[in-house]
Amino acid sequence: MTRIFKFVGIAVAIVFFCSSVFAQSPPTVTKHIGNLIWQECEISQAVYQGKFTRPPAGCYRQWRNAVQFTPHDQQKQGTYNSKTDSIELRIGKDLYKTAPSQVDASYVFTRNGKPIMKLTSELVTFSPNRSLQNIGGQAVWEFAGAPETFAVLVEEKDMRLPSQVQKAYEPYGIYNKLIFVGQKDDRFFVMYDGQKIGDEFDEIFIAFCCEPVAYSVQQGNGAYLFQGKRDGKYYLVKISAG
């Protein structure tokens, strides 16, 4: 009889341990910011760093599966040419293009063949020509020029300037308005429609290459998902249309 009780006790302990490791609690914070819903779910450091063999249950798996590019999202994306490292996007009668310069190490953003902006990348470990998309009828270009020139451009406007940020990452459109991650000094935050929303973070996980991209900012289906660190704790944050 004693052995049976010991076996049951061990089994319960194993179930509890597995539940604590793989299960994620429901959203710990839900905020309504204007017409957006901001949801936070606390995750472990191991999950934040991608150190797991399968996606954890709960908010992590649910939100990662829900925030995926849809055909509607894809229609707003420019067409990438891997041979020339260029992207083309047509909005109405205008043809936008981002491509490497023929004379130096920069990339040129053009509209109907006329230059709009020129940006330079010092490192070439990955293409800095990240994306070109239609957000609210305007061409939005993301340029990731390591180590310093991380920018989001809306037509002629560099969003680092009016938003007072040093670096801008991962643009997307919700309600046809621009949302992106901004960085100033060692602080990270979210900008939406020209305004800072939600809490600041000590770090927002952003990657442009290889396996870590799987844990970077994710967009699609009218939602924006990222992992952030704040005050020693790790969070998965989902921002979606209200």
C-alpha atoms as a PDB file:
ATOM      1  CA  MET A   1       0.000   0.000   0.000  1.00  0.00           C
ATOM      2  CA  THR A   2       2.840   2.362   0.862  1.00  0.00           C
ATOM      3  CA  ARG A   3       4.436   1.736  -2.511  1.00  0.00           C
ATOM      4  CA  ILE A   4       1.158   2.633  -4.269  1.00  0.00           C
ATOM      5  CA  PHE A   5       0.937   5.957  -2.432  1.00  0.00           C
ATOM      6  CA  LYS A   6       4.562   6.700  -3.301  1.00  0.00           C
ATOM      7  CA  PHE A   7       3.896   5.929  -6.959  1.00  0.00           C
ATOM      8  CA  VAL A   8       0.822   8.175  -7.014  1.00  0.00           C
ATOM      9  CA  GLY A   9       2.763  10.950  -5.321  1.00  0.00           C
ATOM     10  CA  ILE A  10       5.583  10.740  -7.844  1.00  0.00           C
ATOM     11  CA  ALA A  11       3.107  10.716 -10.747  1.00  0.00           C
ATOM     12  CA  VAL A  12       1.350  13.832  -9.431  1.00  0.00           C
ATOM     13  CA  ALA A  13       4.702  15.592  -8.997  1.00  0.00           C
ATOM     14  CA  ILE A  14       5.698  14.761 -12.585  1.00  0.00           C
ATOM     15  CA  VAL A  15       2.380  16.054 -13.955  1.00  0.00           C
ATOM     16  CA  PHE A  16       2.725  19.263 -11.933  1.00  0.00           C
ATOM     17  CA  PHE A  17       6.315  19.782 -13.128  1.00  0.00           C
ATOM     18  CA  CYS A  18       5.404  19.250 -16.796  1.00  0.00           C
ATOM     19  CA  SER A  19       2.433  21.575 -16.461  1.00  0.00           C
ATOM     20  CA  SER A  20       4.568  24.314 -14.951  1.00  0.00           C
ATOM     21  CA  VAL A  21       7.172  24.001 -17.719  1.00  0.00           C
ATOM     22  CA  PHE A  22       5.005  23.695 -20.834  1.00  0.00           C
ATOM     23  CA  ALA A  23       1.712  25.355 -19.960  1.00  0.00           C
ATOM     24  CA  GLN A  24       1.350  29.087 -20.181  1.00  0.00           C
ATOM     25  CA  SER A  25      -1.149  31.012 -18.086  1.00  0.00           C
ATOM     26  CA  PRO A  26      -3.966  32.992 -19.735  1.00  0.00           C
ATOM     27  CA  PRO A  27      -3.238  36.615 -20.679  1.00  0.00           C
ATOM     28  CA  THR A  28      -2.162  38.381 -17.513  1.00  0.00           C
ATOM     29  CA  VAL A  29      -2.928  41.859 -18.832  1.00  0.00           C
ATOM     30  CA  THR A  30      -5.531  43.062 -21.317  1.00  0.00           C
ATOM     31  CA  LYS A  31      -5.707  46.750 -22.188  1.00  0.00           C
ATOM     32  CA  HIS A  32      -7.890  48.663 -24.612  1.00  0.00           C
ATOM     33  CA  ILE A  33      -5.836  51.401 -26.263  1.00  0.00           C
ATOM     34  CA  GLY A  34      -8.074  53.381 -28.569  1.00  0.00           C
ATOM     35  CA  ASN A  35      -9.398  50.854 -31.084  1.00  0.00           C
ATOM     36  CA  LEU A  36      -6.630  48.340 -30.313  1.00  0.00           C
ATOM     37  CA  ILE A  37      -6.411  45.483 -27.819  1.00  0.00           C
ATOM     38  CA  TRP A  38      -3.056  45.006 -26.035  1.00  0.00           C
ATOM     39  CA  GLN A  39      -2.600  41.584 -24.397  1.00  0.00           C
ATOM     40  CA  GLU A  40       0.393  40.393 -22.373  1.00  0.00           C
ATOM     41  CA  CYS A  41       1.269  36.899 -21.242  1.00  0.00           C
ATOM     42  CA  GLU A  42       4.297  36.226 -19.051  1.00  0.00           C
ATOM     43  CA  ILE A  43       6.695  33.589 -20.412  1.00  0.00           C
ATOM     44  CA  SER A  44       9.880  32.009 -19.113  1.00  0.00           C
ATOM     45  CA  GLN A  45      13.393  33.074 -20.062  1.00  0.00           C
ATOM     46  CA  ALA A  46      13.889  29.721 -21.792  1.00  0.00           C
ATOM     47  CA  VAL A  47      10.821  30.264 -23.972  1.00  0.00           C
ATOM     48  CA  TYR A  48      11.924  33.832 -24.693  1.00  0.00           C
ATOM     49  CA  GLN A  49      15.264  32.490 -25.936  1.00  0.00           C
ATOM     50  CA  GLY A  50      13.646  29.717 -27.983  1.00  0.00           C
ATOM     51  CA  LYS A  51      15.053  26.939 -25.798  1.00  0.00           C
ATOM     52  CA  PHE A  52      12.265  24.385 -26.136  1.00  0.00           C
ATOM     53  CA  THR A  53      11.625  21.286 -28.216  1.00  0.00           C
ATOM     54  CA  ARG A  54       7.986  22.073 -28.961  1.00  0.00           C
ATOM     55  CA  PRO A  55       5.936  25.294 -28.734  1.00  0.00           C
ATOM     56  CA  PRO A  56       4.573  25.675 -25.198  1.00  0.00           C
ATOM     57  CA  ALA A  57       0.827  25.370 -24.697  1.00  0.00           C
ATOM     58  CA  GLY A  58      -1.366  28.295 -23.720  1.00  0.00           C
ATOM     59  CA  CYS A  59      -0.996  31.833 -24.992  1.00  0.00           C
ATOM     60  CA  TYR A  60       2.335  31.172 -26.715  1.00  0.00           C
ATOM     61  CA  ARG A  61       1.057  28.469 -29.029  1.00  0.00           C
ATOM     62  CA  GLN A  62      -2.371  30.082 -29.496  1.00  0.00           C
ATOM     63  CA  TRP A  63      -1.065  33.524 -30.407  1.00  0.00           C
ATOM     64  CA  ARG A  64       1.788  32.287 -32.593  1.00  0.00           C
ATOM     65  CA  ASN A  65      -0.680  30.171 -34.568  1.00  0.00           C
ATOM     66  CA  ALA A  66      -3.248  32.975 -34.811  1.00  0.00           C
ATOM     67  CA  VAL A  67      -0.900  35.713 -36.020  1.00  0.00           C
ATOM     68  CA  GLN A  68      -0.076  34.504 -39.524  1.00  0.00           C
ATOM     69  CA  PHE A  69       0.109  36.205 -42.904  1.00  0.00           C
ATOM     70  CA  THR A  70      -3.183  35.889 -44.788  1.00  0.00           C
ATOM     71  CA  PRO A  71      -3.783  36.234 -48.563  1.00  0.00           C
ATOM     72  CA  HIS A  72      -5.049  39.754 -47.803  1.00  0.00           C
ATOM     73  CA  ASP A  73      -1.749  40.597 -46.079  1.00  0.00           C
ATOM     74  CA  GLN A  74       0.219  39.090 -48.960  1.00  0.00           C
ATOM     75  CA  GLN A  75      -1.588  41.246 -51.515  1.00  0.00           C
ATOM     76  CA  LYS A  76      -0.165  44.335 -49.820  1.00  0.00           C
ATOM     77  CA  GLN A  77       3.424  43.108 -50.067  1.00  0.00           C
ATOM     78  CA  GLY A  78       5.845  44.027 -52.835  1.00  0.00           C
ATOM     79  CA  THR A  79       7.362  41.380 -55.111  1.00  0.00           C
ATOM     80  CA  TYR A  80      10.917  40.426 -54.185  1.00  0.00           C
ATOM     81  CA  ASN A  81      13.514  39.537 -56.838  1.00  0.00           C
ATOM     82  CA  SER A  82      16.279  37.488 -55.197  1.00  0.00           C
ATOM     83  CA  LYS A  83      18.582  37.831 -58.215  1.00  0.00           C
ATOM     84  CA  THR A  84      18.688  41.622 -57.989  1.00  0.00           C
ATOM     85  CA  ASP A  85      17.804  41.967 -54.269  1.00  0.00           C
ATOM     86  CA  SER A  86      15.049  44.374 -55.290  1.00  0.00           C
ATOM     87  CA  ILE A  87      11.372  44.775 -54.400  1.00  0.00           C
ATOM     88  CA  GLU A  88       8.620  46.225 -56.590  1.00  0.00           C
ATOM     89  CA  LEU A  89       5.205  47.408 -55.436  1.00  0.00           C
ATOM     90  CA  ARG A  90       2.399  48.966 -57.458  1.00  0.00           C
ATOM     91  CA  ILE A  91      -0.125  51.262 -55.782  1.00  0.00           C
ATOM     92  CA  GLY A  92      -2.636  52.614 -58.253  1.00  0.00           C
ATOM     93  CA  LYS A  93      -0.694  54.081 -61.184  1.00  0.00           C
ATOM     94  CA  ASP A  94       2.558  54.396 -59.219  1.00  0.00           C
ATOM     95  CA  LEU A  95       5.367  51.843 -59.317  1.00  0.00           C
ATOM     96  CA  TYR A  96       7.643  51.795 -56.266  1.00  0.00           C
ATOM     97  CA  LYS A  97      10.961  50.005 -56.149  1.00  0.00           C
ATOM     98  CA  THR A  98      13.769  49.449 -53.665  1.00  0.00           C
ATOM     99  CA  ALA A  99      17.070  48.165 -55.063  1.00  0.00           C
ATOM    100  CA  PRO A 100      20.836  48.291 -54.594  1.00  0.00           C
ATOM    101  CA  SER A 101      22.565  51.310 -56.080  1.00  0.00           C
ATOM    102  CA  GLN A 102      24.718  50.715 -59.148  1.00  0.00           C
ATOM    103  CA  VAL A 103      27.413  53.113 -57.942  1.00  0.00           C
ATOM    104  CA  ASP A 104      27.906  52.485 -54.196  1.00  0.00           C
ATOM    105  CA  ALA A 105      26.855  50.332 -51.217  1.00  0.00           C
ATOM    106  CA  SER A 106      23.520  52.063 -50.736  1.00  0.00           C
ATOM    107  CA  TYR A 107      19.930  51.132 -51.573  1.00  0.00           C
ATOM    108  CA  VAL A 108      17.598  53.461 -53.432  1.00  0.00           C
ATOM    109  CA  PHE A 109      13.849  53.886 -52.928  1.00  0.00           C
ATOM    110  CA  THR A 110      12.152  55.133 -56.116  1.00  0.00           C
ATOM    111  CA  ARG A 111       8.674  56.059 -57.318  1.00  0.00           C
ATOM    112  CA  ASN A 112       8.125  55.750 -61.060  1.00  0.00           C
ATOM    113  CA  GLY A 113      11.894  55.664 -61.521  1.00  0.00           C
ATOM    114  CA  LYS A 114      12.563  58.861 -59.537  1.00  0.00           C
ATOM    115  CA  PRO A 115      14.579  58.580 -56.286  1.00  0.00           C
ATOM    116  CA  ILE A 116      12.726  59.167 -53.016  1.00  0.00           C
ATOM    117  CA  MET A 117      15.379  58.149 -50.492  1.00  0.00           C
ATOM    118  CA  LYS A 118      18.818  56.566 -50.341  1.00  0.00           C
ATOM    119  CA  LEU A 119      20.095  54.557 -47.351  1.00  0.00           C
ATOM    120  CA  THR A 120      23.377  52.750 -46.706  1.00  0.00           C
ATOM    121  CA  SER A 121      24.260  49.511 -44.913  1.00  0.00           C
ATOM    122  CA  GLU A 122      27.776  48.901 -43.607  1.00  0.00           C
ATOM    123  CA  LEU A 123      27.348  45.142 -43.137  1.00  0.00           C
ATOM    124  CA  VAL A 124      26.173  42.627 -45.729  1.00  0.00           C
ATOM    125  CA  THR A 125      25.545  39.449 -43.675  1.00  0.00           C
ATOM    126  CA  PHE A 126      21.881  39.677 -44.746  1.00  0.00           C
ATOM    127  CA  SER A 127      19.963  41.844 -47.198  1.00  0.00           C
ATOM    128  CA  PRO A 128      18.963  45.159 -45.587  1.00  0.00           C
ATOM    129  CA  ASN A 129      16.120  45.454 -48.126  1.00  0.00           C
ATOM    130  CA  ARG A 130      13.550  43.995 -45.743  1.00  0.00           C
ATOM    131  CA  SER A 131      10.110  44.791 -47.095  1.00  0.00           C
ATOM    132  CA  LEU A 132       8.017  47.138 -49.225  1.00  0.00           C
ATOM    133  CA  GLN A 133       4.303  47.189 -48.535  1.00  0.00           C
ATOM    134  CA  ASN A 134       1.102  49.124 -49.023  1.00  0.00           C
ATOM    135  CA  ILE A 135      -0.215  50.536 -45.747  1.00  0.00           C
ATOM    136  CA  GLY A 136      -3.197  52.818 -46.098  1.00  0.00           C
ATOM    137  CA  GLY A 137      -2.430  53.528 -49.755  1.00  0.00           C
ATOM    138  CA  GLN A 138       1.172  54.555 -49.083  1.00  0.00           C
ATOM    139  CA  ALA A 139       4.410  52.713 -49.832  1.00  0.00           C
ATOM    140  CA  VAL A 140       6.239  51.715 -46.637  1.00  0.00           C
ATOM    141  CA  TRP A 141       9.846  50.531 -46.842  1.00  0.00           C
ATOM    142  CA  GLU A 142      11.739  48.767 -44.075  1.00  0.00           C
ATOM    143  CA  PHE A 143      15.524  49.031 -44.260  1.00  0.00           C
ATOM    144  CA  ALA A 144      17.755  47.127 -41.826  1.00  0.00           C
ATOM    145  CA  GLY A 145      21.201  48.520 -42.458  1.00  0.00           C
ATOM    146  CA  ALA A 146      23.423  47.178 -39.695  1.00  0.00           C
ATOM    147  CA  PRO A 147      24.865  48.363 -37.449  1.00  0.00           C
ATOM    148  CA  GLU A 148      22.968  51.666 -37.142  1.00  0.00           C
ATOM    149  CA  THR A 149      20.566  52.412 -40.006  1.00  0.00           C
ATOM    150  CA  PHE A 150      17.360  50.621 -39.057  1.00  0.00           C
ATOM    151  CA  ALA A 151      14.590  52.669 -40.630  1.00  0.00           C
ATOM    152  CA  VAL A 152      10.949  52.670 -41.681  1.00  0.00           C
ATOM    153  CA  LEU A 153      10.036  55.043 -44.492  1.00  0.00           C
ATOM    154  CA  VAL A 154       6.527  56.094 -45.529  1.00  0.00           C
ATOM    155  CA  GLU A 155       6.982  57.522 -49.015  1.00  0.00           C
ATOM    156  CA  GLU A 156       9.428  60.445 -48.463  1.00  0.00           C
ATOM    157  CA  LYS A 157       9.002  60.487 -44.673  1.00  0.00           C
ATOM    158  CA  ASP A 158      11.585  58.777 -42.454  1.00  0.00           C
ATOM    159  CA  MET A 159       9.533  57.711 -39.432  1.00  0.00           C
ATOM    160  CA  ARG A 160      12.535  57.938 -37.128  1.00  0.00           C
ATOM    161  CA  LEU A 161      12.337  61.734 -37.270  1.00  0.00           C
ATOM    162  CA  PRO A 162       8.706  62.601 -36.400  1.00  0.00           C
ATOM    163  CA  SER A 163       8.567  59.708 -33.937  1.00  0.00           C
ATOM    164  CA  GLN A 164      11.827  60.821 -32.273  1.00  0.00           C
ATOM    165  CA  VAL A 165      13.314  57.332 -32.413  1.00  0.00           C
ATOM    166  CA  GLN A 166      16.831  56.281 -33.346  1.00  0.00           C
ATOM    167  CA  LYS A 167      15.857  52.951 -34.892  1.00  0.00           C
ATOM    168  CA  ALA A 168      12.611  51.620 -36.358  1.00  0.00           C
ATOM    169  CA  TYR A 169      11.733  47.996 -37.046  1.00  0.00           C
ATOM    170  CA  GLU A 170       9.035  45.664 -38.407  1.00  0.00           C
ATOM    171  CA  PRO A 171       6.295  47.856 -39.959  1.00  0.00           C
ATOM    172  CA  TYR A 172       2.751  46.558 -40.386  1.00  0.00           C
ATOM    173  CA  GLY A 173      -0.698  48.027 -40.861  1.00  0.00           C
ATOM    174  CA  ILE A 174      -3.669  47.730 -38.500  1.00  0.00           C
ATOM    175  CA  TYR A 175      -6.787  49.629 -39.591  1.00  0.00           C
ATOM    176  CA  ASN A 176      -4.585  50.915 -42.457  1.00  0.00           C
ATOM    177  CA  LYS A 177      -2.395  52.746 -39.926  1.00  0.00           C
ATOM    178  CA  LEU A 178       1.304  52.114 -39.377  1.00  0.00           C
ATOM    179  CA  ILE A 179       2.547  50.154 -36.380  1.00  0.00           C
ATOM    180  CA  PHE A 180       6.244  49.443 -35.722  1.00  0.00           C
ATOM    181  CA  VAL A 181       8.823  48.890 -32.979  1.00  0.00           C
ATOM    182  CA  GLY A 182      10.881  51.937 -32.060  1.00  0.00           C
ATOM    183  CA  GLN A 183      14.144  52.180 -30.153  1.00  0.00           C
ATOM    184  CA  LYS A 184      15.707  55.174 -28.451  1.00  0.00           C
ATOM    185  CA  ASP A 185      18.932  54.632 -26.532  1.00  0.00           C
ATOM    186  CA  ASP A 186      18.336  51.402 -24.580  1.00  0.00           C
ATOM    187  CA  ARG A 187      14.526  51.590 -24.510  1.00  0.00           C
ATOM    188  CA  PHE A 188      12.115  49.776 -26.837  1.00  0.00           C
ATOM    189  CA  PHE A 189       8.463  50.625 -27.445  1.00  0.00           C
ATOM    190  CA  VAL A 190       5.614  50.390 -29.960  1.00  0.00           C
ATOM    191  CA  MET A 191       4.527  53.242 -32.215  1.00  0.00           C
ATOM    192  CA  TYR A 192       1.034  53.277 -33.733  1.00  0.00           C
ATOM    193  CA  ASP A 193      -0.350  56.011 -35.960  1.00  0.00           C
ATOM    194  CA  GLY A 194       2.487  58.310 -34.887  1.00  0.00           C
ATOM    195  CA  GLN A 195       1.975  57.804 -31.149  1.00  0.00           C
ATOM    196  CA  LYS A 196       3.779  55.687 -28.566  1.00  0.00           C
ATOM    197  CA  ILE A 197       1.415  53.093 -27.082  1.00  0.00           C
ATOM    198  CA  GLY A 198       1.640  50.642 -24.199  1.00  0.00           C
ATOM    199  CA  ASP A 199       4.581  50.093 -21.876  1.00  0.00           C
ATOM    200  CA  GLU A 200       8.269  50.472 -22.681  1.00  0.00           C
ATOM    201  CA  PHE A 201      10.614  47.491 -22.633  1.00  0.00           C
ATOM    202  CA  ASP A 202      14.261  46.933 -21.785  1.00  0.00           C
ATOM    203  CA  GLU A 203      14.408  44.746 -24.889  1.00  0.00           C
ATOM    204  CA  ILE A 204      12.154  43.595 -27.721  1.00  0.00           C
ATOM    205  CA  PHE A 205      13.398  40.459 -29.450  1.00  0.00           C
ATOM    206  CA  ILE A 206      14.221  41.311 -33.093  1.00  0.00           C
ATOM    207  CA  ALA A 207      16.140  39.125 -35.544  1.00  0.00           C
ATOM    208  CA  PHE A 208      16.718  39.272 -39.293  1.00  0.00           C
ATOM    209  CA  CYS A 209      18.484  36.020 -40.018  1.00  0.00           C
ATOM    210  CA  CYS A 210      18.495  32.319 -39.383  1.00  0.00           C
ATOM    211  CA  GLU A 211      16.765  30.427 -36.547  1.00  0.00           C
ATOM    212  CA  PRO A 212      16.135  33.415 -34.192  1.00  0.00           C
ATOM    213  CA  VAL A 213      13.763  34.891 -36.804  1.00  0.00           C
ATOM    214  CA  ALA A 214      11.192  32.347 -35.607  1.00  0.00           C
ATOM    215  CA  TYR A 215      10.992  34.193 -32.263  1.00  0.00           C
ATOM    216  CA  SER A 216      11.135  37.716 -33.671  1.00  0.00           C
ATOM    217  CA  VAL A 217       8.253  40.105 -34.333  1.00  0.00           C
ATOM    218  CA  GLN A 218       5.355  38.376 -36.095  1.00  0.00           C
ATOM    219  CA  GLN A 219       2.571  40.079 -38.051  1.00  0.00           C
ATOM    220  CA  GLY A 220      -0.581  39.083 -39.887  1.00  0.00           C
ATOM    221  CA  ASN A 221      -4.341  38.675 -39.769  1.00  0.00           C
ATOM    222  CA  GLY A 222      -4.736  42.168 -38.302  1.00  0.00           C
ATOM    223  CA  ALA A 223      -2.419  41.540 -35.352  1.00  0.00           C
ATOM    224  CA  TYR A 224       1.142  42.307 -34.195  1.00  0.00           C
ATOM    225  CA  LEU A 225       3.075  39.924 -31.932  1.00  0.00           C
ATOM    226  CA  PHE A 226       6.415  40.297 -30.168  1.00  0.00           C
ATOM    227  CA  GLN A 227       8.475  39.092 -27.216  1.00  0.00           C
ATOM    228  CA  GLY A 228       9.769  41.672 -24.768  1.00  0.00           C
ATOM    229  CA  LYS A 229      11.731  41.921 -21.539  1.00  0.00           C
ATOM    230  CA  ARG A 230      10.694  44.397 -18.854  1.00  0.00           C
ATOM    231  CA  ASP A 231      11.895  44.721 -15.251  1.00  0.00           C
ATOM    232  CA  GLY A 232      13.512  41.271 -15.304  1.00  0.00           C
ATOM    233  CA  LYS A 233      10.402  39.488 -16.609  1.00  0.00           C
ATOM    234  CA  TYR A 234       9.656  38.147 -20.099  1.00  0.00           C
ATOM    235  CA  TYR A 235       6.424  38.684 -22.006  1.00  0.00           C
ATOM    236  CA  LEU A 236       4.653  37.709 -25.179  1.00  0.00           C
ATOM    237  CA  VAL A 237       2.609  40.689 -26.377  1.00  0.00           C
ATOM    238  CA  LYS A 238      -0.209  40.624 -28.895  1.00  0.00           C
ATOM    239  CA  ILE A 239      -1.683  43.837 -30.321  1.00  0.00           C
ATOM    240  CA  SER A 240      -4.789  43.410 -32.428  1.00  0.00           C
ATOM    241  CA  ALA A 241      -7.766  45.252 -33.860  1.00  0.00           C
ATOM    242  CA  GLY A 242     -10.428  45.842 -31.227  1.00  0.00           C
END
